[in-house]
């Protein structure tokens, strides 16, 4: 039986921004509206939704604002989460473009920009995506690939 004024997580419920939720914090249990949790601890809320899959939220009212808050609250976490869905400034395009487009359509150019152009900090590539990229570049232009990246392919 929950304590008065406590709203334990209900994995069956879809949460909207005005719904109350009680979570344990370093100071003890804390009850906030979902909209306030997005400001208070956006990374924790995002992990509960995406990784742990214990929290269901409304896409428009909670998830979309949460993703934009993540960008400011923890840019590294945000980059890892977005991966190739991140919008980047890439040579030859007048405005931002999804990193996935040059990654797929111009692997050699993307490799030059990402690795040789020192833009590794702009787009997070998982090990699997690094291997895919290095394999494509090696097949298309073997002289282009750096020795350290060839080592990963071995």
N, C-alpha and C. Protein backbone atom coordinates (compact mmCIF):
# COMPACT_ATOMS: atom_id res chain seq x y z
N UNK A 1 0.85 -1.19 0.00
CA UNK A 1 0.00 0.00 0.00
C UNK A 1 0.89 1.25 0.00
N UNK A 2 0.79 2.10 -1.04
CA UNK A 2 1.64 3.29 -1.09
C UNK A 2 1.30 4.27 0.03
N UNK A 3 2.30 5.00 0.48
CA UNK A 3 2.08 6.02 1.49
C UNK A 3 1.26 7.16 0.91
N UNK A 4 0.60 7.91 1.78
CA UNK A 4 -0.19 9.08 1.36
C UNK A 4 0.69 10.04 0.56
N UNK A 5 0.23 10.47 -0.60
CA UNK A 5 1.00 11.43 -1.39
C UNK A 5 2.14 10.80 -2.18
N UNK A 6 2.20 9.47 -2.18
CA UNK A 6 3.25 8.80 -2.96
C UNK A 6 2.60 8.14 -4.18
N UNK A 7 3.31 8.21 -5.28
CA UNK A 7 2.80 7.67 -6.53
C UNK A 7 3.86 6.74 -7.14
N UNK A 8 3.89 5.47 -6.68
CA UNK A 8 4.91 4.55 -7.19
C UNK A 8 4.74 4.31 -8.69
N UNK A 9 5.82 3.95 -9.33
CA UNK A 9 5.82 3.69 -10.77
C UNK A 9 4.85 2.57 -11.11
N UNK A 10 4.00 2.82 -12.08
CA UNK A 10 3.06 1.82 -12.58
C UNK A 10 3.48 1.48 -14.02
N UNK A 11 4.10 0.30 -14.22
CA UNK A 11 4.61 -0.03 -15.56
C UNK A 11 3.51 -0.18 -16.62
N UNK A 12 2.26 -0.31 -16.18
CA UNK A 12 1.14 -0.46 -17.14
C UNK A 12 0.60 0.90 -17.60
N UNK A 13 0.89 1.93 -16.84
CA UNK A 13 0.32 3.26 -17.09
C UNK A 13 1.15 4.02 -18.13
N UNK A 14 0.47 4.80 -18.95
CA UNK A 14 1.16 5.72 -19.86
C UNK A 14 1.11 7.09 -19.20
N UNK A 15 2.30 7.63 -18.91
CA UNK A 15 2.40 8.89 -18.17
C UNK A 15 2.35 10.10 -19.10
N UNK A 16 1.61 11.11 -18.65
CA UNK A 16 1.55 12.41 -19.32
C UNK A 16 2.26 13.42 -18.41
N UNK A 17 2.49 14.62 -18.92
CA UNK A 17 3.32 15.57 -18.17
C UNK A 17 2.74 15.98 -16.82
N UNK A 18 1.43 15.93 -16.65
CA UNK A 18 0.83 16.34 -15.38
C UNK A 18 0.71 15.19 -14.37
N UNK A 19 1.02 13.95 -14.78
CA UNK A 19 0.91 12.81 -13.87
C UNK A 19 2.01 12.85 -12.81
N UNK A 20 1.62 12.50 -11.57
CA UNK A 20 2.57 12.46 -10.45
C UNK A 20 3.33 11.13 -10.46
N UNK A 21 4.61 11.20 -10.06
CA UNK A 21 5.43 9.99 -9.96
C UNK A 21 6.39 10.17 -8.79
N UNK A 22 6.50 9.13 -7.96
CA UNK A 22 7.42 9.15 -6.83
C UNK A 22 8.59 8.23 -7.16
N UNK A 23 9.80 8.76 -7.06
CA UNK A 23 11.02 7.98 -7.27
C UNK A 23 11.96 8.20 -6.10
N UNK A 24 12.80 7.20 -5.83
CA UNK A 24 13.81 7.36 -4.79
C UNK A 24 14.93 8.25 -5.31
N UNK A 25 15.37 9.18 -4.48
CA UNK A 25 16.51 10.04 -4.81
C UNK A 25 17.49 9.95 -3.65
N UNK A 26 18.62 10.63 -3.76
CA UNK A 26 19.59 10.63 -2.66
C UNK A 26 19.00 11.22 -1.38
N UNK A 27 18.04 12.12 -1.53
CA UNK A 27 17.40 12.73 -0.36
C UNK A 27 16.20 11.92 0.13
N UNK A 28 15.93 10.78 -0.49
CA UNK A 28 14.77 9.98 -0.12
C UNK A 28 13.73 10.06 -1.23
N UNK A 29 12.53 9.47 -1.00
CA UNK A 29 11.50 9.48 -2.02
C UNK A 29 11.09 10.91 -2.39
N UNK A 30 10.90 11.16 -3.67
CA UNK A 30 10.53 12.49 -4.15
C UNK A 30 9.38 12.33 -5.13
N UNK A 31 8.33 13.14 -4.95
CA UNK A 31 7.17 13.11 -5.83
C UNK A 31 7.14 14.38 -6.66
N UNK A 32 7.13 14.21 -7.97
CA UNK A 32 7.05 15.33 -8.90
C UNK A 32 6.08 14.97 -10.01
N UNK A 33 5.58 15.99 -10.70
CA UNK A 33 4.85 15.73 -11.93
C UNK A 33 5.86 15.27 -12.97
N UNK A 34 5.41 14.46 -13.91
CA UNK A 34 6.31 13.94 -14.94
C UNK A 34 7.05 15.09 -15.65
N UNK A 35 6.33 16.18 -15.94
CA UNK A 35 6.96 17.33 -16.59
C UNK A 35 8.11 17.90 -15.77
N UNK A 36 7.99 17.87 -14.45
CA UNK A 36 9.05 18.37 -13.57
C UNK A 36 10.22 17.38 -13.52
N UNK A 37 9.92 16.07 -13.57
CA UNK A 37 11.00 15.08 -13.59
C UNK A 37 11.90 15.28 -14.80
N UNK A 38 11.33 15.74 -15.92
CA UNK A 38 12.13 15.96 -17.13
C UNK A 38 13.21 16.99 -16.88
N UNK A 39 12.93 17.99 -16.05
CA UNK A 39 13.93 19.00 -15.71
C UNK A 39 14.85 18.52 -14.59
N UNK A 40 14.29 17.80 -13.62
CA UNK A 40 15.02 17.40 -12.43
C UNK A 40 16.08 16.34 -12.74
N UNK A 41 15.72 15.32 -13.54
CA UNK A 41 16.65 14.22 -13.82
C UNK A 41 16.35 13.61 -15.19
N UNK A 42 16.62 14.36 -16.28
CA UNK A 42 16.23 13.89 -17.61
C UNK A 42 16.91 12.58 -18.03
N UNK A 43 18.17 12.39 -17.67
CA UNK A 43 18.87 11.16 -18.09
C UNK A 43 18.25 9.94 -17.42
N UNK A 44 17.96 10.05 -16.13
CA UNK A 44 17.35 8.92 -15.41
C UNK A 44 15.99 8.56 -16.02
N UNK A 45 15.16 9.57 -16.29
CA UNK A 45 13.84 9.32 -16.87
C UNK A 45 13.99 8.67 -18.25
N UNK A 46 14.93 9.18 -19.05
CA UNK A 46 15.15 8.63 -20.39
C UNK A 46 15.58 7.17 -20.32
N UNK A 47 16.49 6.86 -19.41
CA UNK A 47 16.93 5.46 -19.24
C UNK A 47 15.79 4.56 -18.82
N UNK A 48 14.91 5.05 -17.97
CA UNK A 48 13.76 4.25 -17.52
C UNK A 48 12.84 3.93 -18.70
N UNK A 49 12.76 4.85 -19.66
CA UNK A 49 11.89 4.66 -20.82
C UNK A 49 12.57 3.76 -21.85
N UNK A 50 13.80 4.11 -22.23
CA UNK A 50 14.46 3.51 -23.39
C UNK A 50 15.23 2.24 -23.05
N UNK A 51 16.03 2.28 -22.00
CA UNK A 51 16.88 1.13 -21.69
C UNK A 51 16.15 0.12 -20.80
N UNK A 52 15.61 0.60 -19.68
CA UNK A 52 15.00 -0.31 -18.72
C UNK A 52 13.57 -0.70 -19.11
N UNK A 53 12.94 0.14 -19.94
CA UNK A 53 11.57 -0.11 -20.42
C UNK A 53 10.58 -0.35 -19.28
N UNK A 54 10.72 0.42 -18.19
CA UNK A 54 9.80 0.30 -17.06
C UNK A 54 8.83 1.47 -17.00
N UNK A 55 9.07 2.48 -17.84
CA UNK A 55 8.24 3.67 -17.81
C UNK A 55 7.70 3.94 -19.21
N UNK A 56 6.37 4.02 -19.32
CA UNK A 56 5.73 4.35 -20.60
C UNK A 56 5.24 5.78 -20.54
N UNK A 57 5.55 6.55 -21.58
CA UNK A 57 5.14 7.95 -21.58
C UNK A 57 4.50 8.30 -22.91
N UNK A 58 3.75 9.40 -22.90
CA UNK A 58 3.16 9.93 -24.12
C UNK A 58 4.28 10.52 -24.99
N UNK A 59 4.30 10.13 -26.25
CA UNK A 59 5.35 10.57 -27.19
C UNK A 59 5.41 12.09 -27.30
N UNK A 60 4.28 12.72 -27.59
CA UNK A 60 4.26 14.17 -27.84
C UNK A 60 4.45 14.98 -26.57
N UNK A 61 3.80 14.57 -25.50
CA UNK A 61 3.78 15.39 -24.30
C UNK A 61 5.01 15.19 -23.42
N UNK A 62 5.64 14.00 -23.47
CA UNK A 62 6.74 13.72 -22.56
C UNK A 62 8.04 13.38 -23.30
N UNK A 63 8.00 12.41 -24.23
CA UNK A 63 9.24 11.94 -24.84
C UNK A 63 9.92 13.01 -25.70
N UNK A 64 9.16 13.70 -26.56
CA UNK A 64 9.77 14.71 -27.42
C UNK A 64 10.45 15.83 -26.63
N UNK A 65 9.76 16.42 -25.62
CA UNK A 65 10.45 17.45 -24.82
C UNK A 65 11.64 16.87 -24.06
N UNK A 66 11.54 15.62 -23.61
CA UNK A 66 12.63 14.99 -22.87
C UNK A 66 13.89 14.91 -23.73
N UNK A 67 13.74 14.48 -24.98
CA UNK A 67 14.91 14.34 -25.86
C UNK A 67 15.58 15.70 -26.07
N UNK A 68 14.80 16.77 -26.19
CA UNK A 68 15.43 18.08 -26.37
C UNK A 68 16.11 18.54 -25.08
N UNK A 69 15.57 18.17 -23.92
CA UNK A 69 16.22 18.51 -22.65
C UNK A 69 17.52 17.73 -22.48
N UNK A 70 17.56 16.50 -22.96
CA UNK A 70 18.78 15.69 -22.86
C UNK A 70 19.95 16.36 -23.57
N UNK A 71 19.67 16.96 -24.72
CA UNK A 71 20.71 17.60 -25.51
C UNK A 71 21.47 18.62 -24.67
N UNK A 72 20.73 19.38 -23.84
CA UNK A 72 21.37 20.40 -23.00
C UNK A 72 21.90 19.80 -21.70
N UNK A 73 21.15 18.89 -21.10
CA UNK A 73 21.50 18.37 -19.77
C UNK A 73 22.74 17.48 -19.81
N UNK A 74 22.87 16.66 -20.85
CA UNK A 74 23.99 15.72 -20.93
C UNK A 74 24.31 15.45 -22.39
N UNK A 75 25.07 16.36 -23.04
CA UNK A 75 25.33 16.23 -24.48
C UNK A 75 25.97 14.90 -24.88
N UNK A 76 26.84 14.35 -24.03
CA UNK A 76 27.48 13.07 -24.37
C UNK A 76 26.47 11.92 -24.38
N UNK A 77 25.62 11.87 -23.36
CA UNK A 77 24.57 10.84 -23.31
C UNK A 77 23.67 10.98 -24.53
N UNK A 78 23.30 12.23 -24.85
CA UNK A 78 22.43 12.50 -25.99
C UNK A 78 23.06 12.01 -27.30
N UNK A 79 24.35 12.30 -27.50
CA UNK A 79 25.04 11.86 -28.73
C UNK A 79 25.07 10.34 -28.84
N UNK A 80 25.34 9.67 -27.71
CA UNK A 80 25.36 8.20 -27.74
C UNK A 80 23.98 7.65 -28.07
N UNK A 81 22.95 8.26 -27.48
CA UNK A 81 21.59 7.79 -27.73
C UNK A 81 21.21 8.02 -29.19
N UNK A 82 21.52 9.17 -29.74
CA UNK A 82 21.12 9.52 -31.10
C UNK A 82 21.94 8.78 -32.15
N UNK A 83 23.24 8.59 -31.91
CA UNK A 83 24.09 7.89 -32.88
C UNK A 83 23.98 8.50 -34.26
N UNK A 84 23.65 7.69 -35.26
CA UNK A 84 23.58 8.14 -36.65
C UNK A 84 22.30 8.94 -36.95
N UNK A 85 21.40 9.06 -35.96
CA UNK A 85 20.19 9.88 -36.16
C UNK A 85 20.45 11.34 -35.81
N UNK A 86 21.68 11.64 -35.39
CA UNK A 86 22.04 13.01 -35.04
C UNK A 86 22.12 13.87 -36.29
N UNK A 87 21.65 15.10 -36.21
CA UNK A 87 21.76 16.05 -37.32
C UNK A 87 23.12 16.73 -37.24
N UNK A 88 23.87 16.69 -38.35
CA UNK A 88 25.22 17.24 -38.37
C UNK A 88 25.36 18.25 -39.51
N UNK A 89 26.35 19.11 -39.40
CA UNK A 89 26.75 19.97 -40.52
C UNK A 89 27.77 19.18 -41.30
N UNK A 90 27.46 18.86 -42.54
CA UNK A 90 28.32 18.00 -43.34
C UNK A 90 28.61 18.71 -44.66
N UNK A 91 29.87 18.69 -45.11
CA UNK A 91 30.24 19.39 -46.34
C UNK A 91 29.35 18.99 -47.53
N UNK A 92 28.93 19.99 -48.29
CA UNK A 92 28.12 19.72 -49.47
C UNK A 92 26.62 19.85 -49.24
N UNK A 93 26.22 20.04 -47.98
CA UNK A 93 24.80 20.22 -47.65
C UNK A 93 24.63 21.60 -47.04
N UNK A 94 23.60 22.32 -47.49
CA UNK A 94 23.41 23.70 -47.04
C UNK A 94 22.92 23.77 -45.59
N UNK A 95 22.19 22.74 -45.17
CA UNK A 95 21.70 22.75 -43.79
C UNK A 95 22.04 21.41 -43.15
N UNK A 96 21.68 21.26 -41.88
CA UNK A 96 21.98 20.03 -41.17
C UNK A 96 21.37 18.81 -41.84
N UNK A 97 22.04 17.68 -41.69
CA UNK A 97 21.60 16.43 -42.31
C UNK A 97 21.81 15.30 -41.31
N UNK A 98 20.97 14.28 -41.38
CA UNK A 98 21.16 13.12 -40.51
C UNK A 98 22.50 12.46 -40.83
N UNK A 99 23.28 12.17 -39.81
CA UNK A 99 24.60 11.55 -40.00
C UNK A 99 24.49 10.25 -40.79
N UNK A 100 23.35 9.58 -40.66
CA UNK A 100 23.15 8.29 -41.33
C UNK A 100 23.24 8.42 -42.86
N UNK A 101 22.85 9.58 -43.41
CA UNK A 101 22.81 9.73 -44.87
C UNK A 101 24.21 9.68 -45.49
N UNK A 102 25.16 10.53 -45.06
CA UNK A 102 26.50 10.37 -45.63
C UNK A 102 27.18 9.06 -45.20
N UNK A 103 26.86 8.57 -43.99
CA UNK A 103 27.41 7.30 -43.52
C UNK A 103 27.06 6.18 -44.50
N UNK A 104 25.80 6.17 -44.96
CA UNK A 104 25.33 5.13 -45.87
C UNK A 104 25.73 5.40 -47.32
N UNK A 105 25.56 6.66 -47.77
CA UNK A 105 25.70 6.98 -49.19
C UNK A 105 27.10 7.39 -49.62
N UNK A 106 27.93 7.83 -48.68
CA UNK A 106 29.27 8.30 -49.02
C UNK A 106 30.23 7.87 -47.91
N UNK A 107 30.43 6.56 -47.74
CA UNK A 107 31.23 6.10 -46.61
C UNK A 107 32.66 6.67 -46.60
N UNK A 108 33.28 6.78 -47.78
CA UNK A 108 34.65 7.30 -47.82
C UNK A 108 34.67 8.77 -47.40
N UNK A 109 33.74 9.55 -47.93
CA UNK A 109 33.65 10.96 -47.56
C UNK A 109 33.32 11.13 -46.08
N UNK A 110 32.40 10.30 -45.57
CA UNK A 110 32.04 10.37 -44.15
C UNK A 110 33.25 10.02 -43.31
N UNK A 111 33.99 8.98 -43.70
CA UNK A 111 35.19 8.57 -42.97
C UNK A 111 36.21 9.71 -42.92
N UNK A 112 36.44 10.35 -44.07
CA UNK A 112 37.37 11.49 -44.12
C UNK A 112 36.93 12.58 -43.16
N UNK A 113 35.63 12.89 -43.21
CA UNK A 113 35.10 13.95 -42.35
C UNK A 113 35.18 13.56 -40.88
N UNK A 114 34.75 12.32 -40.56
CA UNK A 114 34.62 11.88 -39.17
C UNK A 114 35.98 11.61 -38.53
N UNK A 115 36.79 10.79 -39.17
CA UNK A 115 38.05 10.37 -38.57
C UNK A 115 39.18 11.34 -38.89
N UNK A 116 39.40 11.60 -40.18
CA UNK A 116 40.54 12.43 -40.57
C UNK A 116 40.26 13.90 -40.35
N UNK A 117 38.99 14.29 -40.42
CA UNK A 117 38.61 15.69 -40.17
C UNK A 117 38.44 15.98 -38.69
N UNK A 118 38.73 14.98 -37.87
CA UNK A 118 38.66 15.13 -36.40
C UNK A 118 37.27 15.54 -35.92
N UNK A 119 36.24 14.85 -36.43
CA UNK A 119 34.86 15.11 -35.98
C UNK A 119 34.30 13.93 -35.19
N UNK A 120 35.17 13.11 -34.61
CA UNK A 120 34.68 11.95 -33.84
C UNK A 120 33.80 12.39 -32.68
N UNK A 121 34.05 13.60 -32.17
CA UNK A 121 33.26 14.09 -31.04
C UNK A 121 31.86 14.53 -31.47
N UNK A 122 31.63 14.70 -32.77
CA UNK A 122 30.33 15.19 -33.24
C UNK A 122 29.31 14.07 -33.41
N UNK A 123 29.78 12.87 -33.78
CA UNK A 123 28.87 11.73 -33.99
C UNK A 123 29.44 10.53 -33.27
N UNK A 124 28.59 9.90 -32.43
CA UNK A 124 29.00 8.68 -31.74
C UNK A 124 28.70 7.48 -32.64
N UNK A 125 29.74 6.71 -32.96
CA UNK A 125 29.54 5.47 -33.71
C UNK A 125 29.79 4.29 -32.77
N UNK A 126 28.82 3.41 -32.66
CA UNK A 126 29.00 2.19 -31.89
C UNK A 126 30.11 1.37 -32.57
N UNK A 127 30.64 0.40 -31.86
CA UNK A 127 31.68 -0.45 -32.45
C UNK A 127 31.18 -1.12 -33.72
N UNK A 128 29.93 -1.58 -33.71
CA UNK A 128 29.35 -2.21 -34.90
C UNK A 128 29.33 -1.27 -36.09
N UNK A 129 28.94 -0.01 -35.86
CA UNK A 129 28.91 0.96 -36.95
C UNK A 129 30.33 1.35 -37.40
N UNK A 130 31.27 1.39 -36.46
CA UNK A 130 32.66 1.66 -36.85
C UNK A 130 33.16 0.56 -37.78
N UNK A 131 32.91 -0.68 -37.41
CA UNK A 131 33.35 -1.81 -38.23
C UNK A 131 32.70 -1.75 -39.62
N UNK A 132 31.38 -1.48 -39.66
CA UNK A 132 30.71 -1.36 -40.98
C UNK A 132 31.36 -0.27 -41.83
N UNK A 133 31.62 0.88 -41.20
CA UNK A 133 32.23 1.99 -41.93
C UNK A 133 33.63 1.61 -42.41
N UNK A 134 34.44 1.06 -41.53
CA UNK A 134 35.82 0.73 -41.90
C UNK A 134 35.85 -0.33 -43.01
N UNK A 135 34.93 -1.31 -42.96
CA UNK A 135 34.88 -2.33 -44.00
C UNK A 135 34.54 -1.70 -45.36
N UNK A 136 33.53 -0.83 -45.37
CA UNK A 136 33.13 -0.18 -46.63
C UNK A 136 34.28 0.65 -47.19
N UNK A 137 34.92 1.44 -46.32
CA UNK A 137 36.03 2.30 -46.77
C UNK A 137 37.18 1.44 -47.29
N UNK A 138 37.47 0.36 -46.59
CA UNK A 138 38.57 -0.51 -47.01
C UNK A 138 38.30 -1.12 -48.39
N UNK A 139 37.05 -1.50 -48.63
CA UNK A 139 36.69 -2.07 -49.93
C UNK A 139 36.73 -1.03 -51.04
N UNK A 140 36.32 0.21 -50.73
CA UNK A 140 36.21 1.25 -51.75
C UNK A 140 37.54 1.97 -52.01
N UNK A 141 38.31 2.20 -50.94
CA UNK A 141 39.55 2.96 -51.06
C UNK A 141 40.52 2.53 -49.95
N UNK A 142 41.18 1.36 -50.14
CA UNK A 142 41.99 0.78 -49.07
C UNK A 142 43.12 1.70 -48.57
N UNK A 143 43.62 2.60 -49.42
CA UNK A 143 44.71 3.48 -48.98
C UNK A 143 44.22 4.56 -48.02
N UNK A 144 42.93 4.80 -48.03
CA UNK A 144 42.35 5.86 -47.22
C UNK A 144 42.34 5.51 -45.73
N UNK A 145 42.19 4.24 -45.41
CA UNK A 145 41.94 3.84 -44.02
C UNK A 145 43.21 3.90 -43.16
N UNK A 146 43.06 4.40 -41.97
CA UNK A 146 44.19 4.52 -41.05
C UNK A 146 44.56 3.16 -40.46
N UNK A 147 45.82 3.01 -40.11
CA UNK A 147 46.32 1.74 -39.58
C UNK A 147 45.55 1.31 -38.33
N UNK A 148 45.26 2.28 -37.43
CA UNK A 148 44.55 1.91 -36.20
C UNK A 148 43.15 1.37 -36.49
N UNK A 149 42.53 1.82 -37.59
CA UNK A 149 41.20 1.33 -37.94
C UNK A 149 41.27 -0.04 -38.62
N UNK A 150 42.35 -0.27 -39.35
CA UNK A 150 42.58 -1.61 -39.93
C UNK A 150 42.73 -2.64 -38.82
N UNK A 151 43.37 -2.26 -37.74
CA UNK A 151 43.56 -3.18 -36.60
C UNK A 151 42.21 -3.66 -36.06
N UNK A 152 41.23 -2.77 -36.04
CA UNK A 152 39.90 -3.14 -35.53
C UNK A 152 39.26 -4.19 -36.44
N UNK A 153 39.56 -4.13 -37.73
CA UNK A 153 38.96 -5.08 -38.68
C UNK A 153 39.60 -6.47 -38.59
N UNK A 154 40.80 -6.56 -38.03
CA UNK A 154 41.49 -7.86 -38.00
C UNK A 154 40.91 -8.77 -36.94
